[in-house]
N, C-alpha and C. Protein backbone atom coordinates (compact mmCIF):
# COMPACT_ATOMS: atom_id res chain seq x y z
N MET A 1 100.78 108.48 86.73
CA MET A 1 100.14 109.43 85.83
C MET A 1 98.69 109.67 86.28
N ALA A 2 98.23 110.88 86.13
CA ALA A 2 96.88 111.25 86.57
C ALA A 2 95.86 110.94 85.48
N HIS A 3 94.61 110.79 85.92
CA HIS A 3 93.52 110.61 84.97
C HIS A 3 93.34 111.90 84.17
N PRO A 4 92.81 111.79 82.95
CA PRO A 4 92.45 113.01 82.22
C PRO A 4 91.34 113.74 82.99
N LYS A 5 91.19 115.02 82.73
CA LYS A 5 90.21 115.82 83.47
C LYS A 5 88.81 115.70 82.88
N VAL A 6 87.84 115.57 83.78
CA VAL A 6 86.44 115.59 83.38
C VAL A 6 86.17 116.93 82.68
N GLY A 7 85.48 116.86 81.55
CA GLY A 7 85.18 118.05 80.76
C GLY A 7 86.11 118.19 79.56
N ASN A 8 87.30 117.60 79.65
CA ASN A 8 88.23 117.64 78.52
C ASN A 8 87.87 116.56 77.51
N MET A 9 88.43 116.67 76.32
CA MET A 9 88.26 115.63 75.31
C MET A 9 88.93 114.36 75.83
N ALA A 10 88.29 113.22 75.60
CA ALA A 10 88.87 111.94 75.99
C ALA A 10 90.13 111.72 75.16
N PRO A 11 91.20 111.25 75.78
CA PRO A 11 92.43 110.98 75.02
C PRO A 11 92.18 110.02 73.85
N ALA A 12 92.73 110.37 72.70
CA ALA A 12 92.55 109.56 71.50
C ALA A 12 93.31 108.24 71.62
N PHE A 13 92.78 107.22 70.98
CA PHE A 13 93.49 105.94 70.92
C PHE A 13 92.95 105.10 69.78
N THR A 14 93.77 104.16 69.38
CA THR A 14 93.38 103.10 68.45
C THR A 14 94.00 101.81 68.99
N LEU A 15 93.15 100.82 69.22
CA LEU A 15 93.61 99.52 69.74
C LEU A 15 92.97 98.41 68.91
N LEU A 16 93.52 97.21 69.04
CA LEU A 16 92.95 96.05 68.36
C LEU A 16 91.90 95.40 69.23
N ASN A 17 90.77 95.02 68.60
CA ASN A 17 89.71 94.32 69.33
C ASN A 17 89.94 92.81 69.29
N GLN A 18 88.95 92.07 69.77
CA GLN A 18 89.04 90.62 69.86
C GLN A 18 89.18 89.93 68.51
N HIS A 19 88.89 90.64 67.42
CA HIS A 19 89.02 90.09 66.07
C HIS A 19 90.29 90.57 65.38
N GLY A 20 91.11 91.36 66.09
CA GLY A 20 92.33 91.91 65.50
C GLY A 20 92.06 93.13 64.64
N GLU A 21 90.86 93.72 64.77
CA GLU A 21 90.49 94.91 64.00
C GLU A 21 90.77 96.17 64.82
N LYS A 22 91.14 97.26 64.13
CA LYS A 22 91.42 98.52 64.81
C LYS A 22 90.12 99.20 65.23
N VAL A 23 90.11 99.67 66.47
CA VAL A 23 88.98 100.43 67.01
C VAL A 23 89.56 101.71 67.61
N SER A 24 88.96 102.84 67.23
CA SER A 24 89.39 104.15 67.74
C SER A 24 88.25 104.81 68.50
N ILE A 25 88.59 105.59 69.49
CA ILE A 25 87.56 106.32 70.23
C ILE A 25 86.83 107.28 69.29
N LYS A 26 87.53 107.81 68.30
CA LYS A 26 86.90 108.76 67.37
C LYS A 26 85.81 108.10 66.52
N ASP A 27 85.81 106.77 66.44
CA ASP A 27 84.78 106.04 65.68
C ASP A 27 83.38 106.30 66.22
N PHE A 28 83.29 106.69 67.48
CA PHE A 28 82.00 106.83 68.16
C PHE A 28 81.56 108.28 68.34
N LYS A 29 82.46 109.22 68.06
CA LYS A 29 82.15 110.64 68.27
C LYS A 29 80.95 111.05 67.43
N GLY A 30 80.00 111.71 68.07
CA GLY A 30 78.79 112.16 67.41
C GLY A 30 77.74 111.07 67.24
N GLU A 31 78.10 109.83 67.54
CA GLU A 31 77.19 108.69 67.33
C GLU A 31 76.73 108.03 68.63
N LYS A 32 77.69 107.79 69.53
CA LYS A 32 77.40 107.01 70.74
C LYS A 32 78.10 107.62 71.96
N ASN A 33 77.49 107.43 73.11
CA ASN A 33 78.18 107.64 74.38
C ASN A 33 79.03 106.39 74.58
N VAL A 34 80.17 106.54 75.23
CA VAL A 34 81.08 105.41 75.41
C VAL A 34 81.34 105.17 76.88
N VAL A 35 81.21 103.91 77.29
CA VAL A 35 81.69 103.47 78.59
C VAL A 35 82.98 102.73 78.31
N LEU A 36 84.08 103.36 78.68
CA LEU A 36 85.41 102.81 78.48
C LEU A 36 85.89 102.30 79.83
N TYR A 37 85.94 100.97 79.96
CA TYR A 37 86.32 100.46 81.27
C TYR A 37 87.61 99.65 81.16
N PHE A 38 88.50 99.92 82.10
CA PHE A 38 89.79 99.25 82.17
C PHE A 38 89.70 98.16 83.24
N TYR A 39 90.07 96.94 82.87
CA TYR A 39 90.01 95.82 83.80
C TYR A 39 91.35 95.08 83.76
N PRO A 40 91.80 94.53 84.89
CA PRO A 40 93.15 93.95 84.96
C PRO A 40 93.42 92.74 84.06
N LYS A 41 92.53 91.73 84.06
CA LYS A 41 92.87 90.51 83.33
C LYS A 41 91.62 89.67 83.04
N ALA A 42 91.47 89.30 81.77
CA ALA A 42 90.35 88.46 81.36
C ALA A 42 90.40 87.12 82.09
N MET A 43 89.21 86.58 82.32
CA MET A 43 89.02 85.24 82.90
C MET A 43 89.28 85.17 84.41
N THR A 44 89.55 86.29 85.05
CA THR A 44 89.72 86.28 86.51
C THR A 44 88.36 86.53 87.15
N PRO A 45 88.17 86.12 88.40
CA PRO A 45 86.85 86.22 89.03
C PRO A 45 86.25 87.63 89.04
N GLY A 46 87.00 88.62 89.48
CA GLY A 46 86.47 89.98 89.56
C GLY A 46 86.15 90.56 88.19
N CYS A 47 87.04 90.33 87.25
CA CYS A 47 86.83 90.85 85.89
C CYS A 47 85.66 90.16 85.21
N THR A 48 85.46 88.89 85.52
CA THR A 48 84.32 88.16 84.96
C THR A 48 83.01 88.70 85.54
N LEU A 49 82.96 88.93 86.84
CA LEU A 49 81.76 89.51 87.47
C LEU A 49 81.42 90.85 86.84
N GLN A 50 82.42 91.69 86.69
CA GLN A 50 82.22 93.02 86.13
C GLN A 50 81.71 92.92 84.69
N ALA A 51 82.35 92.09 83.88
CA ALA A 51 81.96 91.95 82.47
C ALA A 51 80.55 91.39 82.34
N CYS A 52 80.21 90.41 83.14
CA CYS A 52 78.87 89.80 83.05
C CYS A 52 77.79 90.79 83.47
N GLY A 53 78.08 91.65 84.42
CA GLY A 53 77.13 92.70 84.81
C GLY A 53 76.86 93.65 83.65
N LEU A 54 77.92 94.02 82.95
CA LEU A 54 77.75 94.89 81.78
C LEU A 54 77.00 94.16 80.68
N ARG A 55 77.30 92.91 80.48
CA ARG A 55 76.60 92.09 79.48
C ARG A 55 75.10 92.09 79.75
N ASP A 56 74.74 91.93 81.01
CA ASP A 56 73.34 91.80 81.39
C ASP A 56 72.56 93.12 81.32
N THR A 57 73.26 94.24 81.19
CA THR A 57 72.58 95.53 81.10
C THR A 57 72.59 96.09 79.67
N LYS A 58 72.95 95.27 78.71
CA LYS A 58 73.09 95.74 77.31
C LYS A 58 71.83 96.42 76.79
N ASP A 59 70.66 95.86 77.04
CA ASP A 59 69.43 96.47 76.53
C ASP A 59 69.26 97.89 77.06
N GLU A 60 69.51 98.07 78.34
CA GLU A 60 69.39 99.40 78.95
C GLU A 60 70.44 100.35 78.39
N LEU A 61 71.65 99.86 78.20
CA LEU A 61 72.72 100.68 77.64
C LEU A 61 72.40 101.08 76.19
N ASP A 62 71.84 100.14 75.43
CA ASP A 62 71.45 100.44 74.04
C ASP A 62 70.42 101.56 73.99
N LYS A 63 69.47 101.55 74.91
CA LYS A 63 68.43 102.60 74.96
C LYS A 63 69.05 103.97 75.21
N ARG A 64 70.19 103.99 75.86
CA ARG A 64 70.87 105.24 76.20
C ARG A 64 71.93 105.62 75.17
N ASP A 65 71.99 104.88 74.07
CA ASP A 65 73.02 105.11 73.04
C ASP A 65 74.43 104.98 73.62
N VAL A 66 74.63 103.95 74.43
CA VAL A 66 75.92 103.70 75.06
C VAL A 66 76.55 102.45 74.47
N VAL A 67 77.81 102.57 74.07
CA VAL A 67 78.60 101.42 73.64
C VAL A 67 79.64 101.16 74.72
N VAL A 68 79.90 99.88 75.00
CA VAL A 68 80.87 99.50 76.02
C VAL A 68 82.15 99.01 75.34
N LEU A 69 83.28 99.53 75.81
CA LEU A 69 84.59 99.08 75.35
C LEU A 69 85.40 98.69 76.59
N GLY A 70 85.82 97.44 76.66
CA GLY A 70 86.64 96.98 77.77
C GLY A 70 88.09 96.92 77.35
N VAL A 71 88.98 97.48 78.16
CA VAL A 71 90.42 97.52 77.84
C VAL A 71 91.20 96.78 78.92
N SER A 72 92.07 95.87 78.46
CA SER A 72 93.00 95.19 79.37
C SER A 72 94.35 95.08 78.68
N ILE A 73 95.33 94.61 79.42
CA ILE A 73 96.65 94.40 78.82
C ILE A 73 96.79 92.96 78.30
N ASP A 74 95.69 92.25 78.24
CA ASP A 74 95.69 90.90 77.67
C ASP A 74 96.02 90.97 76.18
N PRO A 75 96.70 89.94 75.65
CA PRO A 75 96.92 89.89 74.21
C PRO A 75 95.60 89.66 73.48
N VAL A 76 95.53 90.08 72.22
CA VAL A 76 94.32 89.93 71.41
C VAL A 76 93.83 88.49 71.43
N LYS A 77 94.73 87.53 71.35
CA LYS A 77 94.34 86.12 71.24
C LYS A 77 93.61 85.60 72.48
N ARG A 78 93.73 86.28 73.60
CA ARG A 78 93.05 85.86 74.83
C ARG A 78 91.60 86.36 74.89
N LEU A 79 91.30 87.43 74.18
CA LEU A 79 90.00 88.08 74.28
C LEU A 79 88.83 87.26 73.74
N PRO A 80 88.95 86.58 72.58
CA PRO A 80 87.80 85.82 72.08
C PRO A 80 87.33 84.73 73.06
N ARG A 81 88.26 84.11 73.73
CA ARG A 81 87.90 83.06 74.69
C ARG A 81 87.07 83.63 75.85
N PHE A 82 87.45 84.79 76.33
CA PHE A 82 86.71 85.47 77.41
C PHE A 82 85.29 85.79 76.93
N ILE A 83 85.18 86.31 75.72
CA ILE A 83 83.87 86.66 75.16
C ILE A 83 83.01 85.41 74.99
N GLU A 84 83.57 84.38 74.41
CA GLU A 84 82.80 83.15 74.15
C GLU A 84 82.38 82.46 75.45
N LYS A 85 83.31 82.34 76.37
CA LYS A 85 83.02 81.62 77.61
C LYS A 85 81.89 82.28 78.40
N HIS A 86 81.82 83.61 78.35
CA HIS A 86 80.84 84.33 79.17
C HIS A 86 79.77 85.04 78.33
N GLU A 87 79.73 84.72 77.04
CA GLU A 87 78.73 85.28 76.12
C GLU A 87 78.67 86.81 76.22
N LEU A 88 79.84 87.43 76.21
CA LEU A 88 79.90 88.88 76.31
C LEU A 88 79.41 89.50 75.00
N ASN A 89 78.71 90.61 75.11
CA ASN A 89 78.07 91.24 73.96
C ASN A 89 78.60 92.65 73.71
N PHE A 90 79.88 92.85 73.99
CA PHE A 90 80.51 94.14 73.75
C PHE A 90 81.97 93.91 73.35
N THR A 91 82.61 94.97 72.92
CA THR A 91 83.97 94.91 72.39
C THR A 91 85.01 94.93 73.50
N LEU A 92 86.01 94.07 73.35
CA LEU A 92 87.18 94.08 74.22
C LEU A 92 88.38 94.52 73.40
N LEU A 93 89.24 95.31 74.02
CA LEU A 93 90.41 95.86 73.35
C LEU A 93 91.69 95.46 74.08
N SER A 94 92.73 95.22 73.30
CA SER A 94 94.03 94.81 73.85
C SER A 94 94.99 95.99 73.88
N ASP A 95 95.56 96.23 75.05
CA ASP A 95 96.56 97.30 75.25
C ASP A 95 97.80 96.68 75.90
N GLU A 96 98.41 95.73 75.19
CA GLU A 96 99.52 94.95 75.76
C GLU A 96 100.66 95.79 76.30
N ASP A 97 100.99 96.88 75.62
CA ASP A 97 102.11 97.71 76.08
C ASP A 97 101.67 98.78 77.07
N HIS A 98 100.42 98.72 77.48
CA HIS A 98 99.75 99.64 78.41
C HIS A 98 99.93 101.12 78.09
N ALA A 99 100.11 101.45 76.83
CA ALA A 99 100.25 102.86 76.42
C ALA A 99 98.97 103.65 76.67
N ILE A 100 97.82 103.07 76.32
CA ILE A 100 96.54 103.76 76.50
C ILE A 100 96.16 103.73 77.99
N THR A 101 96.45 102.63 78.63
CA THR A 101 96.21 102.52 80.07
C THR A 101 96.97 103.63 80.80
N ASP A 102 98.21 103.88 80.37
CA ASP A 102 99.01 104.99 80.91
C ASP A 102 98.35 106.33 80.62
N LYS A 103 97.94 106.52 79.38
CA LYS A 103 97.35 107.78 78.92
C LYS A 103 96.11 108.14 79.76
N TYR A 104 95.37 107.12 80.18
CA TYR A 104 94.16 107.34 80.98
C TYR A 104 94.44 107.29 82.48
N GLY A 105 95.70 107.17 82.86
CA GLY A 105 96.08 107.20 84.27
C GLY A 105 95.70 105.95 85.03
N CYS A 106 95.61 104.82 84.34
CA CYS A 106 95.17 103.57 84.98
C CYS A 106 96.31 102.57 85.19
N TRP A 107 97.54 102.96 84.93
CA TRP A 107 98.71 102.11 85.18
C TRP A 107 99.38 102.70 86.40
N ALA A 108 99.36 101.97 87.51
CA ALA A 108 99.85 102.53 88.76
C ALA A 108 100.38 101.44 89.68
N LEU A 109 100.96 101.87 90.78
CA LEU A 109 101.47 100.96 91.79
C LEU A 109 100.29 100.32 92.52
N LYS A 110 100.33 98.99 92.61
CA LYS A 110 99.28 98.23 93.28
C LYS A 110 99.91 97.39 94.38
N LYS A 111 99.08 96.99 95.33
CA LYS A 111 99.52 96.08 96.40
C LYS A 111 98.63 94.86 96.41
N PHE A 112 99.26 93.70 96.54
CA PHE A 112 98.52 92.45 96.64
C PHE A 112 99.31 91.48 97.48
N MET A 113 98.69 91.03 98.55
CA MET A 113 99.31 90.08 99.47
C MET A 113 100.70 90.55 99.93
N GLY A 114 100.78 91.85 100.27
CA GLY A 114 102.00 92.41 100.81
C GLY A 114 103.05 92.78 99.79
N LYS A 115 102.79 92.51 98.52
CA LYS A 115 103.76 92.84 97.48
C LYS A 115 103.28 94.04 96.67
N GLU A 116 104.23 94.87 96.26
CA GLU A 116 103.91 96.02 95.43
C GLU A 116 104.38 95.76 94.00
N PHE A 117 103.58 96.19 93.04
CA PHE A 117 103.92 96.01 91.64
C PHE A 117 103.13 97.01 90.81
N MET A 118 103.60 97.26 89.60
CA MET A 118 102.87 98.13 88.68
C MET A 118 101.81 97.29 87.97
N GLY A 119 100.62 97.86 87.83
CA GLY A 119 99.56 97.11 87.17
C GLY A 119 98.40 98.01 86.78
N LEU A 120 97.43 97.41 86.10
CA LEU A 120 96.25 98.13 85.64
C LEU A 120 95.27 98.29 86.80
N VAL A 121 94.85 99.51 87.03
CA VAL A 121 93.90 99.83 88.10
C VAL A 121 92.50 99.92 87.48
N ARG A 122 91.59 99.12 87.99
CA ARG A 122 90.22 99.06 87.49
C ARG A 122 89.56 100.44 87.56
N THR A 123 89.18 100.98 86.40
CA THR A 123 88.61 102.33 86.31
C THR A 123 87.65 102.38 85.13
N THR A 124 86.58 103.15 85.26
CA THR A 124 85.60 103.32 84.19
C THR A 124 85.46 104.79 83.85
N PHE A 125 85.46 105.08 82.55
CA PHE A 125 85.30 106.44 82.05
C PHE A 125 84.00 106.50 81.24
N ILE A 126 83.19 107.53 81.50
CA ILE A 126 81.99 107.76 80.71
C ILE A 126 82.31 108.94 79.79
N ILE A 127 82.18 108.68 78.48
CA ILE A 127 82.52 109.68 77.47
C ILE A 127 81.25 109.99 76.67
N GLY A 128 80.93 111.27 76.55
CA GLY A 128 79.74 111.69 75.83
C GLY A 128 79.91 111.59 74.32
N LYS A 129 78.80 111.75 73.62
CA LYS A 129 78.82 111.72 72.15
C LYS A 129 79.72 112.81 71.58
N ASP A 130 79.92 113.87 72.37
CA ASP A 130 80.79 114.97 71.93
C ASP A 130 82.27 114.65 72.10
N GLY A 131 82.57 113.47 72.65
CA GLY A 131 83.97 113.08 72.84
C GLY A 131 84.59 113.57 74.13
N ARG A 132 83.77 114.25 74.94
CA ARG A 132 84.30 114.78 76.21
C ARG A 132 84.07 113.80 77.36
N LEU A 133 85.04 113.79 78.26
CA LEU A 133 84.97 112.94 79.43
C LEU A 133 83.93 113.51 80.40
N LYS A 134 82.91 112.68 80.71
CA LYS A 134 81.80 113.12 81.57
C LYS A 134 81.98 112.69 83.02
N LYS A 135 82.59 111.52 83.22
CA LYS A 135 82.69 110.98 84.59
C LYS A 135 83.80 109.95 84.65
N ILE A 136 84.48 109.89 85.79
CA ILE A 136 85.47 108.85 86.08
C ILE A 136 84.97 108.08 87.29
N MET A 137 84.86 106.78 87.13
CA MET A 137 84.43 105.91 88.24
C MET A 137 85.62 105.03 88.63
N ASN A 138 86.07 105.19 89.88
CA ASN A 138 87.16 104.34 90.36
C ASN A 138 86.93 103.79 91.76
N LYS A 139 85.73 104.02 92.26
CA LYS A 139 85.37 103.48 93.58
C LYS A 139 84.05 102.72 93.42
N PHE A 140 84.15 101.42 93.20
CA PHE A 140 82.97 100.58 93.03
C PHE A 140 83.36 99.13 93.29
N LYS A 141 82.37 98.31 93.50
CA LYS A 141 82.60 96.87 93.66
C LYS A 141 82.36 96.21 92.30
N THR A 142 83.19 95.24 91.96
CA THR A 142 83.05 94.60 90.65
C THR A 142 81.67 93.97 90.48
N LYS A 143 81.13 93.40 91.55
CA LYS A 143 79.84 92.73 91.49
C LYS A 143 78.70 93.68 91.15
N SER A 144 78.80 94.94 91.60
CA SER A 144 77.72 95.90 91.38
C SER A 144 78.15 97.07 90.48
N HIS A 145 79.24 96.90 89.76
CA HIS A 145 79.73 97.95 88.87
C HIS A 145 78.64 98.43 87.91
N HIS A 146 77.93 97.49 87.31
CA HIS A 146 76.88 97.85 86.34
C HIS A 146 75.77 98.69 86.98
N GLU A 147 75.46 98.40 88.24
CA GLU A 147 74.43 99.19 88.94
C GLU A 147 74.94 100.60 89.22
N SER A 148 76.18 100.71 89.66
CA SER A 148 76.78 102.03 89.89
C SER A 148 76.85 102.81 88.59
N LEU A 149 77.18 102.13 87.51
CA LEU A 149 77.25 102.77 86.20
C LEU A 149 75.89 103.34 85.79
N MET A 150 74.84 102.56 85.99
CA MET A 150 73.50 103.04 85.61
C MET A 150 73.11 104.28 86.42
N LEU A 151 73.47 104.31 87.69
CA LEU A 151 73.19 105.50 88.50
C LEU A 151 73.95 106.71 87.97
N GLU A 152 75.20 106.51 87.59
CA GLU A 152 75.99 107.61 87.03
C GLU A 152 75.39 108.09 85.71
N LEU A 153 74.99 107.17 84.87
CA LEU A 153 74.36 107.54 83.59
C LEU A 153 73.08 108.33 83.84
N ASP A 154 72.30 107.92 84.86
CA ASP A 154 71.09 108.67 85.23
C ASP A 154 71.44 110.09 85.63
N ASP A 155 72.48 110.22 86.49
CA ASP A 155 72.90 111.54 86.95
C ASP A 155 73.34 112.44 85.79
N LEU A 156 73.90 111.83 84.76
CA LEU A 156 74.38 112.57 83.59
C LEU A 156 73.30 112.76 82.52
N ASN A 157 72.10 112.24 82.80
CA ASN A 157 70.98 112.27 81.85
C ASN A 157 71.33 111.58 80.53
N LEU A 158 72.05 110.50 80.63
CA LEU A 158 72.40 109.72 79.42
C LEU A 158 71.56 108.46 79.38
């Protein structure tokens, strides 16, 4: 499945956060810019690097009226441990059936150690306060994802 088009409204969704509470993209419309990032699995090295980079840029993101939402196919019960262990300061969402991951075009064929399988492809979407998709980031290093994100936000004047 392809990513939604930049300029279009971000696909609607409602998922459970780390507390088992419903969170919808529409909750932020008119209030906040949203960084919606899809990551493969909590507690893995690459996902931890990426999450900690976002954690460490919270003050700068707050100044830009940006809220971060991380989406994985992890069950809700796994998310609090990831947050606590790494002192994450943003919301994580569970998409166990990968319905939203599919909707955003992030469920695809992957290769690892010579094997092919379907899985979540690490991707970041920047969504404006108007609910429209401003940018799709899918070429970055997990270690410097937060730096690439800040450059994109600068380019978008957010």
